[in-house]
C-alpha atoms as a PDB file:
ATOM      1  CA  MET A   1      -0.042  -0.235   0.014  1.00  0.00           C
ATOM      2  CA  ILE A   2       2.982   2.603   0.627  1.00  0.00           C
ATOM      3  CA  GLY A   3       3.956   1.816  -2.535  1.00  0.00           C
ATOM      4  CA  THR A   4       1.354   2.928  -4.289  1.00  0.00           C
ATOM      5  CA  LEU A   5       0.721   6.051  -2.472  1.00  0.00           C
ATOM      6  CA  ARG A   6       4.385   6.684  -2.853  1.00  0.00           C
ATOM      7  CA  THR A   7       4.293   5.947  -6.771  1.00  0.00           C
ATOM      8  CA  THR A   8       0.913   7.559  -7.690  1.00  0.00           C
ATOM      9  CA  ARG A   9       1.659  10.669 -10.182  1.00  0.00           C
ATOM     10  CA  GLN A  10       0.188  13.516 -11.612  1.00  0.00           C
ATOM     11  CA  ILE A  11      -0.429  11.852 -15.250  1.00  0.00           C
ATOM     12  CA  ARG A  12      -1.390  13.785 -18.145  1.00  0.00           C
ATOM     13  CA  GLN A  13      -0.640  11.409 -21.442  1.00  0.00           C
ATOM     14  CA  TYR A  14      -3.655   8.840 -21.911  1.00  0.00           C
ATOM     15  CA  ALA A  15      -3.874   5.910 -23.874  1.00  0.00           C
ATOM     16  CA  ALA A  16      -7.315   6.305 -26.314  1.00  0.00           C
ATOM     17  CA  GLU A  17      -8.855   2.847 -24.852  1.00  0.00           C
ATOM     18  CA  PRO A  18     -11.838   4.070 -22.811  1.00  0.00           C
ATOM     19  CA  VAL A  19     -12.137   3.260 -18.935  1.00  0.00           C
ATOM     20  CA  PRO A  20     -14.021   0.345 -17.908  1.00  0.00           C
ATOM     21  CA  ASP A  21     -17.640   1.359 -15.885  1.00  0.00           C
ATOM     22  CA  GLY A  22     -16.607  -1.963 -13.787  1.00  0.00           C
ATOM     23  CA  VAL A  23     -12.630   0.321 -12.687  1.00  0.00           C
ATOM     24  CA  LEU A  24     -14.449   4.107 -12.470  1.00  0.00           C
ATOM     25  CA  ARG A  25     -17.582   2.590 -10.103  1.00  0.00           C
ATOM     26  CA  GLN A  26     -14.517   1.129  -8.146  1.00  0.00           C
ATOM     27  CA  ILE A  27     -12.529   5.101  -8.404  1.00  0.00           C
ATOM     28  CA  LEU A  28     -16.283   6.721  -7.439  1.00  0.00           C
ATOM     29  CA  GLN A  29     -16.804   4.036  -4.418  1.00  0.00           C
ATOM     30  CA  VAL A  30     -13.311   5.066  -2.953  1.00  0.00           C
ATOM     31  CA  ALA A  31     -14.572   8.842  -3.711  1.00  0.00           C
ATOM     32  CA  ARG A  32     -17.507   8.433  -2.224  1.00  0.00           C
ATOM     33  CA  TRP A  33     -16.083   6.741   1.311  1.00  0.00           C
ATOM     34  CA  THR A  34     -13.519   9.753   1.426  1.00  0.00           C
ATOM     35  CA  GLY A  35     -13.900  11.480   4.555  1.00  0.00           C
ATOM     36  CA  SER A  36     -15.363  14.935   4.695  1.00  0.00           C
ATOM     37  CA  SER A  37     -16.043  18.180   7.816  1.00  0.00           C
ATOM     38  CA  THR A  38     -18.514  17.030  10.094  1.00  0.00           C
ATOM     39  CA  ASN A  39     -19.636  13.893   7.720  1.00  0.00           C
ATOM     40  CA  ARG A  40     -21.532  16.209   5.837  1.00  0.00           C
ATOM     41  CA  GLN A  41     -20.427  14.816   2.479  1.00  0.00           C
ATOM     42  CA  GLU A  42     -21.631  17.515   0.492  1.00  0.00           C
ATOM     43  CA  TRP A  43     -19.851  16.976  -2.913  1.00  0.00           C
ATOM     44  CA  HIS A  44     -21.305  15.584  -6.112  1.00  0.00           C
ATOM     45  CA  PHE A  45     -19.383  14.233  -8.847  1.00  0.00           C
ATOM     46  CA  ILE A  46     -20.134  14.387 -12.301  1.00  0.00           C
ATOM     47  CA  VAL A  47     -18.501  11.655 -14.788  1.00  0.00           C
ATOM     48  CA  VAL A  48     -17.839  13.314 -18.103  1.00  0.00           C
ATOM     49  CA  ARG A  49     -17.121  10.903 -20.855  1.00  0.00           C
ATOM     50  CA  ASP A  50     -18.577  12.997 -23.993  1.00  0.00           C
ATOM     51  CA  ARG A  51     -15.588  13.748 -26.175  1.00  0.00           C
ATOM     52  CA  ASP A  52     -16.537  17.085 -27.260  1.00  0.00           C
ATOM     53  CA  THR A  53     -17.201  18.669 -23.720  1.00  0.00           C
ATOM     54  CA  ILE A  54     -13.813  17.073 -22.751  1.00  0.00           C
ATOM     55  CA  VAL A  55     -12.623  19.133 -25.647  1.00  0.00           C
ATOM     56  CA  LYS A  56     -14.418  22.075 -24.605  1.00  0.00           C
ATOM     57  CA  LEU A  57     -13.007  22.097 -21.490  1.00  0.00           C
ATOM     58  CA  SER A  58      -9.384  21.925 -22.750  1.00  0.00           C
ATOM     59  CA  ARG A  59      -9.486  24.699 -24.536  1.00  0.00           C
ATOM     60  CA  LEU A  60     -10.407  26.969 -20.782  1.00  0.00           C
ATOM     61  CA  ARG A  61      -6.825  27.319 -20.662  1.00  0.00           C
ATOM     62  CA  THR A  62      -3.761  26.473 -22.560  1.00  0.00           C
ATOM     63  CA  PRO A  63      -1.741  24.864 -18.834  1.00  0.00           C
ATOM     64  CA  ILE A  64      -5.046  21.963 -18.975  1.00  0.00           C
ATOM     65  CA  SER A  65      -4.789  21.527 -23.348  1.00  0.00           C
ATOM     66  CA  TRP A  66      -3.578  18.038 -22.141  1.00  0.00           C
ATOM     67  CA  ILE A  67      -7.248  16.525 -20.730  1.00  0.00           C
ATOM     68  CA  ALA A  68      -8.208  16.472 -24.707  1.00  0.00           C
ATOM     69  CA  GLY A  69      -6.271  13.404 -24.796  1.00  0.00           C
ATOM     70  CA  ALA A  70      -8.042  11.776 -21.708  1.00  0.00           C
ATOM     71  CA  PRO A  71     -10.638   9.427 -22.051  1.00  0.00           C
ATOM     72  CA  LEU A  72     -12.941  10.375 -19.073  1.00  0.00           C
ATOM     73  CA  GLY A  73     -12.918  13.024 -16.458  1.00  0.00           C
ATOM     74  CA  ILE A  74     -14.345  13.424 -12.957  1.00  0.00           C
ATOM     75  CA  ALA A  75     -15.521  17.309 -11.749  1.00  0.00           C
ATOM     76  CA  ILE A  76     -15.885  17.408  -8.275  1.00  0.00           C
ATOM     77  CA  VAL A  77     -18.982  19.831  -7.630  1.00  0.00           C
ATOM     78  CA  VAL A  78     -19.041  21.790  -3.843  1.00  0.00           C
ATOM     79  CA  ASP A  79     -21.113  24.318  -2.383  1.00  0.00           C
ATOM     80  CA  GLU A  80     -19.545  27.866  -3.360  1.00  0.00           C
ATOM     81  CA  ASP A  81     -19.302  29.513  -0.100  1.00  0.00           C
ATOM     82  CA  ASP A  82     -17.811  26.953   2.288  1.00  0.00           C
ATOM     83  CA  ALA A  83     -14.495  26.797   2.446  1.00  0.00           C
ATOM     84  CA  SER A  84     -14.698  23.343   4.607  1.00  0.00           C
ATOM     85  CA  HIS A  85     -15.115  21.751   1.259  1.00  0.00           C
ATOM     86  CA  ALA A  86     -12.109  22.848  -0.578  1.00  0.00           C
ATOM     87  CA  TYR A  87     -10.863  20.551   2.167  1.00  0.00           C
ATOM     88  CA  ASP A  88     -13.144  18.098   1.342  1.00  0.00           C
ATOM     89  CA  GLU A  89     -12.811  18.552  -2.371  1.00  0.00           C
ATOM     90  CA  GLY A  90      -8.740  17.735  -1.887  1.00  0.00           C
ATOM     91  CA  ARG A  91      -9.333  14.364  -0.347  1.00  0.00           C
ATOM     92  CA  ALA A  92     -11.569  13.328  -2.352  1.00  0.00           C
ATOM     93  CA  THR A  93      -9.562  14.368  -5.308  1.00  0.00           C
ATOM     94  CA  GLU A  94      -6.253  12.381  -3.973  1.00  0.00           C
ATOM     95  CA  ARG A  95      -8.587   9.335  -2.944  1.00  0.00           C
ATOM     96  CA  ILE A  96      -9.365   9.696  -6.865  1.00  0.00           C
ATOM     97  CA  LEU A  97      -5.810   9.444  -7.850  1.00  0.00           C
ATOM     98  CA  VAL A  98      -4.371   6.714  -5.739  1.00  0.00           C
ATOM     99  CA  ALA A  99      -7.858   4.389  -6.254  1.00  0.00           C
ATOM    100  CA  ALA A 100      -7.137   4.940 -10.242  1.00  0.00           C
ATOM    101  CA  HIS A 101      -3.040   4.347  -9.872  1.00  0.00           C
ATOM    102  CA  ALA A 102      -3.784   1.122  -7.698  1.00  0.00           C
ATOM    103  CA  LEU A 103      -6.375   0.046 -10.589  1.00  0.00           C
ATOM    104  CA  GLY A 104      -3.946   0.127 -13.184  1.00  0.00           C
ATOM    105  CA  TYR A 105      -4.944   3.371 -14.483  1.00  0.00           C
ATOM    106  CA  GLY A 106      -3.633   6.633 -14.118  1.00  0.00           C
ATOM    107  CA  GLY A 107      -5.323  10.637 -13.148  1.00  0.00           C
ATOM    108  CA  GLY A 108      -4.077  14.019 -13.580  1.00  0.00           C
ATOM    109  CA  ILE A 109      -5.670  17.569 -11.986  1.00  0.00           C
ATOM    110  CA  ALA A 110      -6.829  20.248 -14.048  1.00  0.00           C
ATOM    111  CA  TRP A 111      -7.641  23.464 -12.402  1.00  0.00           C
ATOM    112  CA  TYR A 112     -10.385  25.144 -14.295  1.00  0.00           C
ATOM    113  CA  GLY A 113      -9.294  28.504 -13.858  1.00  0.00           C
ATOM    114  CA  ASP A 114     -10.137  31.729 -12.460  1.00  0.00           C
ATOM    115  CA  ALA A 115     -14.046  33.066 -11.982  1.00  0.00           C
ATOM    116  CA  SER A 116     -15.093  33.358 -15.141  1.00  0.00           C
ATOM    117  CA  GLN A 117     -13.499  30.155 -16.189  1.00  0.00           C
ATOM    118  CA  GLN A 118     -15.157  28.491 -13.703  1.00  0.00           C
ATOM    119  CA  ALA A 119     -18.735  30.221 -14.461  1.00  0.00           C
ATOM    120  CA  GLU A 120     -18.054  28.631 -18.459  1.00  0.00           C
ATOM    121  CA  VAL A 121     -17.889  25.029 -16.653  1.00  0.00           C
ATOM    122  CA  LYS A 122     -20.926  25.889 -14.788  1.00  0.00           C
ATOM    123  CA  LYS A 123     -22.265  26.573 -18.126  1.00  0.00           C
ATOM    124  CA  LEU A 124     -20.739  23.379 -19.861  1.00  0.00           C
ATOM    125  CA  LEU A 125     -21.622  20.485 -16.890  1.00  0.00           C
ATOM    126  CA  GLY A 126     -24.804  22.339 -16.184  1.00  0.00           C
ATOM    127  CA  ILE A 127     -23.949  23.181 -12.376  1.00  0.00           C
ATOM    128  CA  PRO A 128     -25.930  25.441 -10.071  1.00  0.00           C
ATOM    129  CA  ALA A 129     -25.275  28.430  -9.560  1.00  0.00           C
ATOM    130  CA  ASP A 130     -24.525  28.608  -5.873  1.00  0.00           C
ATOM    131  CA  LYS A 131     -21.832  25.051  -6.285  1.00  0.00           C
ATOM    132  CA  THR A 132     -18.596  25.566  -7.693  1.00  0.00           C
ATOM    133  CA  ALA A 133     -16.421  22.926  -9.225  1.00  0.00           C
ATOM    134  CA  ARG A 134     -12.653  24.312  -9.922  1.00  0.00           C
ATOM    135  CA  GLN A 135     -10.933  21.348 -11.019  1.00  0.00           C
ATOM    136  CA  ILE A 136     -11.710  17.910 -12.934  1.00  0.00           C
ATOM    137  CA  VAL A 137      -9.387  14.715 -12.403  1.00  0.00           C
ATOM    138  CA  MET A 138      -9.062  13.430 -15.664  1.00  0.00           C
ATOM    139  CA  ILE A 139      -8.639   9.175 -15.772  1.00  0.00           C
ATOM    140  CA  GLY A 140      -6.867   6.869 -18.045  1.00  0.00           C
ATOM    141  CA  ARG A 141      -4.425   4.569 -18.752  1.00  0.00           C
ATOM    142  CA  PRO A 142      -1.156   5.883 -18.525  1.00  0.00           C
ATOM    143  CA  VAL A 143       0.750   6.150 -21.534  1.00  0.00           C
ATOM    144  CA  SER A 144       3.870   8.261 -19.590  1.00  0.00           C
ATOM    145  CA  PRO A 145       4.336   9.949 -16.287  1.00  0.00           C
ATOM    146  CA  THR A 146       6.134  12.877 -18.476  1.00  0.00           C
ATOM    147  CA  ASP A 147       4.408  16.176 -18.622  1.00  0.00           C
ATOM    148  CA  PRO A 148       4.110  17.149 -22.190  1.00  0.00           C
ATOM    149  CA  ARG A 149       3.282  20.921 -21.695  1.00  0.00           C
ATOM    150  CA  PRO A 150       6.202  23.295 -22.308  1.00  0.00           C
ATOM    151  CA  GLY A 151       8.445  24.484 -19.316  1.00  0.00           C
ATOM    152  CA  ALA A 152       7.193  22.003 -17.693  1.00  0.00           C
ATOM    153  CA  ARG A 153       9.028  21.276 -14.211  1.00  0.00           C
ATOM    154  CA  PRO A 154      11.346  18.408 -13.357  1.00  0.00           C
ATOM    155  CA  GLY A 155       9.914  15.927 -10.824  1.00  0.00           C
ATOM    156  CA  GLY A 156      11.392  14.145  -7.711  1.00  0.00           C
ATOM    157  CA  ARG A 157      10.814  15.726  -4.119  1.00  0.00           C
ATOM    158  CA  LYS A 158      13.038  17.236  -1.880  1.00  0.00           C
ATOM    159  CA  PRO A 159      14.606  15.895   0.814  1.00  0.00           C
ATOM    160  CA  LEU A 160      13.078  15.201   4.458  1.00  0.00           C
ATOM    161  CA  ALA A 161      15.736  17.423   6.240  1.00  0.00           C
ATOM    162  CA  GLU A 162      14.941  20.858   3.652  1.00  0.00           C
ATOM    163  CA  ILE A 163      10.597  20.140   4.370  1.00  0.00           C
ATOM    164  CA  VAL A 164      10.785  18.865   7.889  1.00  0.00           C
ATOM    165  CA  SER A 165      11.083  20.057  11.565  1.00  0.00           C
ATOM    166  CA  TYR A 166      10.874  18.897  15.436  1.00  0.00           C
ATOM    167  CA  ASP A 167       8.983  20.548  17.587  1.00  0.00           C
ATOM    168  CA  ARG A 168       9.677  24.325  15.795  1.00  0.00           C
ATOM    169  CA  TYR A 169       9.769  25.726  12.806  1.00  0.00           C
ATOM    170  CA  SER A 170      13.451  25.334  11.417  1.00  0.00           C
ATOM    171  CA  LYS A 171      15.180  26.395   7.798  1.00  0.00           C
END
């Protein structure tokens, strides 16, 4: 299990093959069982498989054009004015990524952008005015973990000694 957690990566290149319904159902079950603030579970998941919709989403911002190549996405919808939902949204997102990886698939998070771009997403996905969707998690069979975007940062992680202090902050 620790290996699965440590090797979950942001995937931005996918094979054209569809994600089987059984795999999608398992990923959604994991998302459903994610913990939430006071167990309210106030999220709603929109599975986006329609190619035209995915392409339209990919055109919202240049940095997320890569999503056009994914077979499906899961948009996470939460209440617009509740800060605790951002935390719950992050928890669900991470669970979706790990579940996809554990099942032999990959996931990548695409943030829609500013308020005007998020408003466009609401129109495309039929999201009510009092809700928001800030991101979509794309799912598919990974082709490569390499970031295809120009100017992509190299992968890897800082050593623990650079990011961990004990008892008091120190650097």
